[in-house]
Structures are given as C-alpha cells and as structure tokens.
Amino acid sequence: MAIPQREFTPERIAERCLDALINEGARLLEEGVALRDVDVDIVFLYGFGFPAWRGGPMFYATRTGKKKIHERLLRRYERFGPF
C-alpha cells in the first residue's frame, strides 16, 4: 500500500517542530521538573543552542497563544494518534 505524499512548507515544518518542543516543555512544567516557562526556555537557549533572538519555545507559545497551540496539537492527535 502506497503512502500518499504530502507537501510541507518550511513554515509548516518549523510549526510542527516547535509544537513538539512546546508540548515537552508543558510536560516538564506539569511534572514539576521546571517551575516557570522561562526555565524551560533557558535550557533550550543554553543547553540546545536555540536561537536567543527567538526567545525560546515557551516564549513563542505565549506570543502565539497557548490555546491555539493546544488546538493544533489536539487536531494532530485526533488525526495521527499519540506521537
């Protein structure tokens, strides 16, 4: 069975990657591993080399709207299952 090809824009790829980072950051906050959004961002900035001028994935989530990102994650979950 062939899997149909889909096209992705660079923006769409970046959105999916950021959503995954934000989801993991939210899990760290939920589990108490990190206390604040900025704690997660600091790890991404200094530990993983995330570009400082972007402010970190949690900053992006706040700027974009956490509700909007949550809805995107739910849509992907409904379509593809747990990921």
PDB file of N, CA and C in Angstrom:
ATOM      1  N   MET A   1       0.841  -1.166   0.000  1.00  0.00           N
ATOM      2  CA  MET A   1       0.000   0.000   0.000  1.00  0.00           C
ATOM      3  C   MET A   1       0.892   1.236   0.000  1.00  0.00           C
ATOM      4  N   ALA A   2       0.662   2.118  -0.938  1.00  0.00           N
ATOM      5  CA  ALA A   2       1.459   3.339  -1.055  1.00  0.00           C
ATOM      6  C   ALA A   2       0.943   4.402  -0.089  1.00  0.00           C
ATOM      7  N   ILE A   3       1.853   5.124   0.462  1.00  0.00           N
ATOM      8  CA  ILE A   3       1.504   6.238   1.339  1.00  0.00           C
ATOM      9  C   ILE A   3       1.498   7.503   0.493  1.00  0.00           C
ATOM     10  N   PRO A   4       0.370   8.208   0.472  1.00  0.00           N
ATOM     11  CA  PRO A   4       0.328   9.409  -0.366  1.00  0.00           C
ATOM     12  C   PRO A   4       1.305  10.476   0.133  1.00  0.00           C
ATOM     13  N   GLN A   5       1.970  11.117  -0.816  1.00  0.00           N
ATOM     14  CA  GLN A   5       2.912  12.169  -0.478  1.00  0.00           C
ATOM     15  C   GLN A   5       2.170  13.453  -0.143  1.00  0.00           C
ATOM     16  N   ARG A   6       2.687  14.158   0.836  1.00  0.00           N
ATOM     17  CA  ARG A   6       2.140  15.469   1.178  1.00  0.00           C
ATOM     18  C   ARG A   6       3.264  16.485   1.066  1.00  0.00           C
ATOM     19  N   GLU A   7       2.899  17.701   0.750  1.00  0.00           N
ATOM     20  CA  GLU A   7       3.900  18.756   0.666  1.00  0.00           C
ATOM     21  C   GLU A   7       3.836  19.612   1.917  1.00  0.00           C
ATOM     22  N   PHE A   8       5.006  19.984   2.395  1.00  0.00           N
ATOM     23  CA  PHE A   8       5.106  20.821   3.580  1.00  0.00           C
ATOM     24  C   PHE A   8       5.918  22.062   3.251  1.00  0.00           C
ATOM     25  N   THR A   9       5.448  23.189   3.722  1.00  0.00           N
ATOM     26  CA  THR A   9       6.205  24.429   3.589  1.00  0.00           C
ATOM     27  C   THR A   9       7.222  24.487   4.722  1.00  0.00           C
ATOM     28  N   PRO A  10       8.278  25.277   4.564  1.00  0.00           N
ATOM     29  CA  PRO A  10       9.226  25.434   5.669  1.00  0.00           C
ATOM     30  C   PRO A  10       8.545  25.939   6.947  1.00  0.00           C
ATOM     31  N   GLU A  11       7.560  26.800   6.800  1.00  0.00           N
ATOM     32  CA  GLU A  11       6.833  27.318   7.963  1.00  0.00           C
ATOM     33  C   GLU A  11       6.077  26.204   8.677  1.00  0.00           C
ATOM     34  N   ARG A  12       5.484  25.317   7.907  1.00  0.00           N
ATOM     35  CA  ARG A  12       4.724  24.199   8.482  1.00  0.00           C
ATOM     36  C   ARG A  12       5.644  23.231   9.227  1.00  0.00           C
ATOM     37  N   ILE A  13       6.818  23.004   8.659  1.00  0.00           N
ATOM     38  CA  ILE A  13       7.794  22.131   9.312  1.00  0.00           C
ATOM     39  C   ILE A  13       8.243  22.745  10.632  1.00  0.00           C
ATOM     40  N   ALA A  14       8.570  24.043  10.605  1.00  0.00           N
ATOM     41  CA  ALA A  14       9.001  24.734  11.831  1.00  0.00           C
ATOM     42  C   ALA A  14       7.887  24.705  12.875  1.00  0.00           C
ATOM     43  N   GLU A  15       6.634  24.895  12.437  1.00  0.00           N
ATOM     44  CA  GLU A  15       5.491  24.873  13.357  1.00  0.00           C
ATOM     45  C   GLU A  15       5.372  23.523  14.051  1.00  0.00           C
ATOM     46  N   ARG A  16       5.502  22.460  13.303  1.00  0.00           N
ATOM     47  CA  ARG A  16       5.398  21.114  13.895  1.00  0.00           C
ATOM     48  C   ARG A  16       6.530  20.846  14.878  1.00  0.00           C
ATOM     49  N   CYS A  17       7.737  21.278  14.527  1.00  0.00           N
ATOM     50  CA  CYS A  17       8.876  21.080  15.434  1.00  0.00           C
ATOM     51  C   CYS A  17       8.691  21.891  16.712  1.00  0.00           C
ATOM     52  N   LEU A  18       8.299  23.143  16.578  1.00  0.00           N
ATOM     53  CA  LEU A  18       8.085  23.987  17.755  1.00  0.00           C
ATOM     54  C   LEU A  18       6.962  23.459  18.622  1.00  0.00           C
ATOM     55  N   ASP A  19       5.885  22.997  17.999  1.00  0.00           N
ATOM     56  CA  ASP A  19       4.773  22.445  18.780  1.00  0.00           C
ATOM     57  C   ASP A  19       5.228  21.257  19.620  1.00  0.00           C
ATOM     58  N   ALA A  20       6.100  20.427  19.057  1.00  0.00           N
ATOM     59  CA  ALA A  20       6.615  19.281  19.814  1.00  0.00           C
ATOM     60  C   ALA A  20       7.470  19.747  20.997  1.00  0.00           C
ATOM     61  N   LEU A  21       8.312  20.765  20.776  1.00  0.00           N
ATOM     62  CA  LEU A  21       9.137  21.301  21.868  1.00  0.00           C
ATOM     63  C   LEU A  21       8.268  21.920  22.954  1.00  0.00           C
ATOM     64  N   ILE A  22       7.245  22.645  22.539  1.00  0.00           N
ATOM     65  CA  ILE A  22       6.332  23.282  23.491  1.00  0.00           C
ATOM     66  C   ILE A  22       5.586  22.226  24.297  1.00  0.00           C
ATOM     67  N   ASN A  23       5.156  21.165  23.629  1.00  0.00           N
ATOM     68  CA  ASN A  23       4.443  20.092  24.322  1.00  0.00           C
ATOM     69  C   ASN A  23       5.340  19.455  25.383  1.00  0.00           C
ATOM     70  N   GLU A  24       6.593  19.209  25.048  1.00  0.00           N
ATOM     71  CA  GLU A  24       7.523  18.638  26.024  1.00  0.00           C
ATOM     72  C   GLU A  24       7.782  19.622  27.159  1.00  0.00           C
ATOM     73  N   GLY A  25       7.902  20.910  26.829  1.00  0.00           N
ATOM     74  CA  GLY A  25       8.081  21.923  27.859  1.00  0.00           C
ATOM     75  C   GLY A  25       6.905  21.954  28.817  1.00  0.00           C
ATOM     76  N   ALA A  26       5.700  21.814  28.279  1.00  0.00           N
ATOM     77  CA  ALA A  26       4.498  21.787  29.117  1.00  0.00           C
ATOM     78  C   ALA A  26       4.505  20.573  30.038  1.00  0.00           C
ATOM     79  N   ARG A  27       5.002  19.458  29.537  1.00  0.00           N
ATOM     80  CA  ARG A  27       5.104  18.258  30.382  1.00  0.00           C
ATOM     81  C   ARG A  27       6.091  18.473  31.533  1.00  0.00           C
ATOM     82  N   LEU A  28       7.203  19.141  31.240  1.00  0.00           N
ATOM     83  CA  LEU A  28       8.175  19.438  32.299  1.00  0.00           C
ATOM     84  C   LEU A  28       7.560  20.321  33.374  1.00  0.00           C
ATOM     85  N   LEU A  29       6.770  21.292  32.955  1.00  0.00           N
ATOM     86  CA  LEU A  29       6.094  22.166  33.918  1.00  0.00           C
ATOM     87  C   LEU A  29       5.055  21.387  34.719  1.00  0.00           C
ATOM     88  N   GLU A  30       4.297  20.556  34.042  1.00  0.00           N
ATOM     89  CA  GLU A  30       3.246  19.771  34.694  1.00  0.00           C
ATOM     90  C   GLU A  30       3.837  18.811  35.738  1.00  0.00           C
ATOM     91  N   GLU A  31       4.996  18.222  35.411  1.00  0.00           N
ATOM     92  CA  GLU A  31       5.633  17.262  36.318  1.00  0.00           C
ATOM     93  C   GLU A  31       6.437  17.944  37.420  1.00  0.00           C
ATOM     94  N   GLY A  32       6.574  19.274  37.347  1.00  0.00           N
ATOM     95  CA  GLY A  32       7.327  19.989  38.364  1.00  0.00           C
ATOM     96  C   GLY A  32       8.828  19.966  38.157  1.00  0.00           C
ATOM     97  N   VAL A  33       9.292  19.452  37.026  1.00  0.00           N
ATOM     98  CA  VAL A  33      10.726  19.436  36.720  1.00  0.00           C
ATOM     99  C   VAL A  33      11.209  20.873  36.509  1.00  0.00           C
ATOM    100  N   ALA A  34      10.377  21.684  35.867  1.00  0.00           N
ATOM    101  CA  ALA A  34      10.649  23.110  35.692  1.00  0.00           C
ATOM    102  C   ALA A  34       9.551  23.882  36.419  1.00  0.00           C
ATOM    103  N   LEU A  35       9.914  25.025  36.964  1.00  0.00           N
ATOM    104  CA  LEU A  35       8.936  25.813  37.723  1.00  0.00           C
ATOM    105  C   LEU A  35       8.215  26.856  36.879  1.00  0.00           C
ATOM    106  N   ARG A  36       8.928  27.427  35.894  1.00  0.00           N
ATOM    107  CA  ARG A  36       8.349  28.507  35.083  1.00  0.00           C
ATOM    108  C   ARG A  36       8.676  28.279  33.614  1.00  0.00           C
ATOM    109  N   ASP A  37       7.906  28.912  32.741  1.00  0.00           N
ATOM    110  CA  ASP A  37       8.170  28.819  31.296  1.00  0.00           C
ATOM    111  C   ASP A  37       9.602  29.220  30.972  1.00  0.00           C
ATOM    112  N   VAL A  38      10.068  30.275  31.619  1.00  0.00           N
ATOM    113  CA  VAL A  38      11.404  30.781  31.324  1.00  0.00           C
ATOM    114  C   VAL A  38      12.482  29.754  31.671  1.00  0.00           C
ATOM    115  N   ASP A  39      12.253  28.908  32.654  1.00  0.00           N
ATOM    116  CA  ASP A  39      13.211  27.853  32.994  1.00  0.00           C
ATOM    117  C   ASP A  39      13.390  26.890  31.823  1.00  0.00           C
ATOM    118  N   VAL A  40      12.298  26.566  31.176  1.00  0.00           N
ATOM    119  CA  VAL A  40      12.353  25.682  30.001  1.00  0.00           C
ATOM    120  C   VAL A  40      13.105  26.379  28.871  1.00  0.00           C
ATOM    121  N   ASP A  41      12.788  27.656  28.643  1.00  0.00           N
ATOM    122  CA  ASP A  41      13.450  28.412  27.577  1.00  0.00           C
ATOM    123  C   ASP A  41      14.953  28.508  27.795  1.00  0.00           C
ATOM    124  N   ILE A  42      15.382  28.720  29.032  1.00  0.00           N
ATOM    125  CA  ILE A  42      16.820  28.824  29.333  1.00  0.00           C
ATOM    126  C   ILE A  42      17.544  27.543  28.938  1.00  0.00           C
ATOM    127  N   VAL A  43      16.933  26.402  29.219  1.00  0.00           N
ATOM    128  CA  VAL A  43      17.548  25.120  28.836  1.00  0.00           C
ATOM    129  C   VAL A  43      17.669  25.017  27.322  1.00  0.00           C
ATOM    130  N   PHE A  44      16.633  25.418  26.607  1.00  0.00           N
ATOM    131  CA  PHE A  44      16.703  25.367  25.144  1.00  0.00           C
ATOM    132  C   PHE A  44      17.730  26.352  24.600  1.00  0.00           C
ATOM    133  N   LEU A  45      17.825  27.525  25.199  1.00  0.00           N
ATOM    134  CA  LEU A  45      18.773  28.532  24.724  1.00  0.00           C
ATOM    135  C   LEU A  45      20.217  28.114  24.972  1.00  0.00           C
ATOM    136  N   TYR A  46      20.528  27.741  26.204  1.00  0.00           N
ATOM    137  CA  TYR A  46      21.920  27.457  26.556  1.00  0.00           C
ATOM    138  C   TYR A  46      22.299  25.989  26.426  1.00  0.00           C
ATOM    139  N   GLY A  47      21.344  25.097  26.588  1.00  0.00           N
ATOM    140  CA  GLY A  47      21.643  23.668  26.506  1.00  0.00           C
ATOM    141  C   GLY A  47      21.579  23.109  25.103  1.00  0.00           C
ATOM    142  N   PHE A  48      20.641  23.609  24.309  1.00  0.00           N
ATOM    143  CA  PHE A  48      20.439  23.058  22.972  1.00  0.00           C
ATOM    144  C   PHE A  48      20.762  24.039  21.856  1.00  0.00           C
ATOM    145  N   GLY A  49      21.153  25.266  22.216  1.00  0.00           N
ATOM    146  CA  GLY A  49      21.542  26.224  21.188  1.00  0.00           C
ATOM    147  C   GLY A  49      20.384  26.846  20.429  1.00  0.00           C
ATOM    148  N   PHE A  50      19.204  26.850  21.034  1.00  0.00           N
ATOM    149  CA  PHE A  50      18.051  27.515  20.408  1.00  0.00           C
ATOM    150  C   PHE A  50      18.410  28.983  20.229  1.00  0.00           C
ATOM    151  N   PRO A  51      18.091  29.589  19.086  1.00  0.00           N
ATOM    152  CA  PRO A  51      18.493  30.984  18.860  1.00  0.00           C
ATOM    153  C   PRO A  51      17.894  31.941  19.895  1.00  0.00           C
ATOM    154  N   ALA A  52      18.755  32.657  20.601  1.00  0.00           N
ATOM    155  CA  ALA A  52      18.314  33.544  21.684  1.00  0.00           C
ATOM    156  C   ALA A  52      17.370  34.633  21.187  1.00  0.00           C
ATOM    157  N   TRP A  53      17.577  35.112  19.978  1.00  0.00           N
ATOM    158  CA  TRP A  53      16.733  36.186  19.463  1.00  0.00           C
ATOM    159  C   TRP A  53      15.295  35.722  19.232  1.00  0.00           C
ATOM    160  N   ARG A  54      15.058  34.406  19.230  1.00  0.00           N
ATOM    161  CA  ARG A  54      13.688  33.890  19.102  1.00  0.00           C
ATOM    162  C   ARG A  54      12.996  33.793  20.460  1.00  0.00           C
ATOM    163  N   GLY A  55      13.786  33.781  21.537  1.00  0.00           N
ATOM    164  CA  GLY A  55      13.210  33.807  22.878  1.00  0.00           C
ATOM    165  C   GLY A  55      12.852  32.459  23.467  1.00  0.00           C
ATOM    166  N   GLY A  56      13.025  31.376  22.780  1.00  0.00           N
ATOM    167  CA  GLY A  56      12.713  30.054  23.315  1.00  0.00           C
ATOM    168  C   GLY A  56      11.315  29.595  22.923  1.00  0.00           C
ATOM    169  N   PRO A  57      11.088  28.295  22.948  1.00  0.00           N
ATOM    170  CA  PRO A  57       9.796  27.749  22.515  1.00  0.00           C
ATOM    171  C   PRO A  57       8.626  28.151  23.408  1.00  0.00           C
ATOM    172  N   MET A  58       8.866  28.303  24.696  1.00  0.00           N
ATOM    173  CA  MET A  58       7.753  28.675  25.580  1.00  0.00           C
ATOM    174  C   MET A  58       7.368  30.143  25.375  1.00  0.00           C
ATOM    175  N   PHE A  59       8.356  30.981  25.070  1.00  0.00           N
ATOM    176  CA  PHE A  59       8.072  32.373  24.728  1.00  0.00           C
ATOM    177  C   PHE A  59       7.233  32.422  23.452  1.00  0.00           C
ATOM    178  N   TYR A  60       7.614  31.602  22.470  1.00  0.00           N
ATOM    179  CA  TYR A  60       6.847  31.503  21.226  1.00  0.00           C
ATOM    180  C   TYR A  60       5.414  31.074  21.521  1.00  0.00           C
ATOM    181  N   ALA A  61       5.245  30.126  22.433  1.00  0.00           N
ATOM    182  CA  ALA A  61       3.903  29.639  22.785  1.00  0.00           C
ATOM    183  C   ALA A  61       3.065  30.755  23.390  1.00  0.00           C
ATOM    184  N   THR A  62       3.673  31.540  24.253  1.00  0.00           N
ATOM    185  CA  THR A  62       2.957  32.649  24.878  1.00  0.00           C
ATOM    186  C   THR A  62       2.585  33.695  23.840  1.00  0.00           C
ATOM    187  N   ARG A  63       3.523  33.994  22.959  1.00  0.00           N
ATOM    188  CA  ARG A  63       3.285  35.002  21.921  1.00  0.00           C
ATOM    189  C   ARG A  63       2.239  34.537  20.906  1.00  0.00           C
ATOM    190  N   THR A  64       2.279  33.272  20.537  1.00  0.00           N
ATOM    191  CA  THR A  64       1.346  32.723  19.550  1.00  0.00           C
ATOM    192  C   THR A  64      -0.024  32.486  20.159  1.00  0.00           C
ATOM    193  N   GLY A  65      -0.029  32.107  21.419  1.00  0.00           N
ATOM    194  CA  GLY A  65      -1.276  31.772  22.107  1.00  0.00           C
ATOM    195  C   GLY A  65      -1.287  30.299  22.437  1.00  0.00           C
ATOM    196  N   LYS A  66      -1.226  30.008  23.722  1.00  0.00           N
ATOM    197  CA  LYS A  66      -1.158  28.608  24.143  1.00  0.00           C
ATOM    198  C   LYS A  66      -2.411  27.843  23.744  1.00  0.00           C
ATOM    199  N   LYS A  67      -3.547  28.533  23.734  1.00  0.00           N
ATOM    200  CA  LYS A  67      -4.792  27.872  23.327  1.00  0.00           C
ATOM    201  C   LYS A  67      -4.717  27.441  21.863  1.00  0.00           C
ATOM    202  N   LYS A  68      -4.161  28.295  21.012  1.00  0.00           N
ATOM    203  CA  LYS A  68      -4.026  27.979  19.591  1.00  0.00           C
ATOM    204  C   LYS A  68      -3.117  26.770  19.387  1.00  0.00           C
ATOM    205  N   ILE A  69      -2.005  26.735  20.121  1.00  0.00           N
ATOM    206  CA  ILE A  69      -1.081  25.611  20.000  1.00  0.00           C
ATOM    207  C   ILE A  69      -1.724  24.330  20.529  1.00  0.00           C
ATOM    208  N   HIS A  70      -2.439  24.440  21.637  1.00  0.00           N
ATOM    209  CA  HIS A  70      -3.140  23.282  22.192  1.00  0.00           C
ATOM    210  C   HIS A  70      -4.128  22.718  21.174  1.00  0.00           C
ATOM    211  N   GLU A  71      -4.856  23.584  20.489  1.00  0.00           N
ATOM    212  CA  GLU A  71      -5.812  23.133  19.471  1.00  0.00           C
ATOM    213  C   GLU A  71      -5.101  22.437  18.318  1.00  0.00           C
ATOM    214  N   ARG A  72      -3.934  22.964  17.903  1.00  0.00           N
ATOM    215  CA  ARG A  72      -3.170  22.311  16.829  1.00  0.00           C
ATOM    216  C   ARG A  72      -2.722  20.928  17.260  1.00  0.00           C
ATOM    217  N   LEU A  73      -2.248  20.806  18.496  1.00  0.00           N
ATOM    218  CA  LEU A  73      -1.805  19.503  18.997  1.00  0.00           C
ATOM    219  C   LEU A  73      -2.972  18.517  19.071  1.00  0.00           C
ATOM    220  N   LEU A  74      -4.125  18.994  19.515  1.00  0.00           N
ATOM    221  CA  LEU A  74      -5.296  18.117  19.582  1.00  0.00           C
ATOM    222  C   LEU A  74      -5.720  17.638  18.193  1.00  0.00           C
ATOM    223  N   ARG A  75      -5.682  18.528  17.210  1.00  0.00           N
ATOM    224  CA  ARG A  75      -6.035  18.125  15.840  1.00  0.00           C
ATOM    225  C   ARG A  75      -5.086  17.052  15.328  1.00  0.00           C
ATOM    226  N   ARG A  76      -3.782  17.226  15.591  1.00  0.00           N
ATOM    227  CA  ARG A  76      -2.812  16.210  15.158  1.00  0.00           C
ATOM    228  C   ARG A  76      -3.039  14.889  15.894  1.00  0.00           C
ATOM    229  N   TYR A  77      -3.355  14.978  17.180  1.00  0.00           N
ATOM    230  CA  TYR A  77      -3.619  13.765  17.966  1.00  0.00           C
ATOM    231  C   TYR A  77      -4.820  13.019  17.403  1.00  0.00           C
ATOM    232  N   GLU A  78      -5.877  13.767  17.079  1.00  0.00           N
ATOM    233  CA  GLU A  78      -7.077  13.134  16.519  1.00  0.00           C
ATOM    234  C   GLU A  78      -6.788  12.482  15.174  1.00  0.00           C
ATOM    235  N   ARG A  79      -5.903  13.093  14.398  1.00  0.00           N
ATOM    236  CA  ARG A  79      -5.613  12.569  13.065  1.00  0.00           C
ATOM    237  C   ARG A  79      -4.601  11.417  13.085  1.00  0.00           C
ATOM    238  N   PHE A  80      -3.545  11.562  13.913  1.00  0.00           N
ATOM    239  CA  PHE A  80      -2.450  10.610  13.865  1.00  0.00           C
ATOM    240  C   PHE A  80      -2.285   9.755  15.109  1.00  0.00           C
ATOM    241  N   GLY A  81      -3.024  10.062  16.169  1.00  0.00           N
ATOM    242  CA  GLY A  81      -2.884   9.327  17.418  1.00  0.00           C
ATOM    243  C   GLY A  81      -1.738   9.869  18.236  1.00  0.00           C
ATOM    244  N   PRO A  82      -1.354   9.159  19.291  1.00  0.00           N
ATOM    245  CA  PRO A  82      -0.275   9.653  20.155  1.00  0.00           C
ATOM    246  C   PRO A  82       1.042   9.745  19.392  1.00  0.00           C
ATOM    247  N   PHE A  83       1.771  10.783  19.654  1.00  0.00           N
ATOM    248  CA  PHE A  83       3.057  10.968  18.985  1.00  0.00           C
ATOM    249  C   PHE A  83       4.053  11.585  19.932  1.00  0.00           C
TER     250      PHE A  83
END
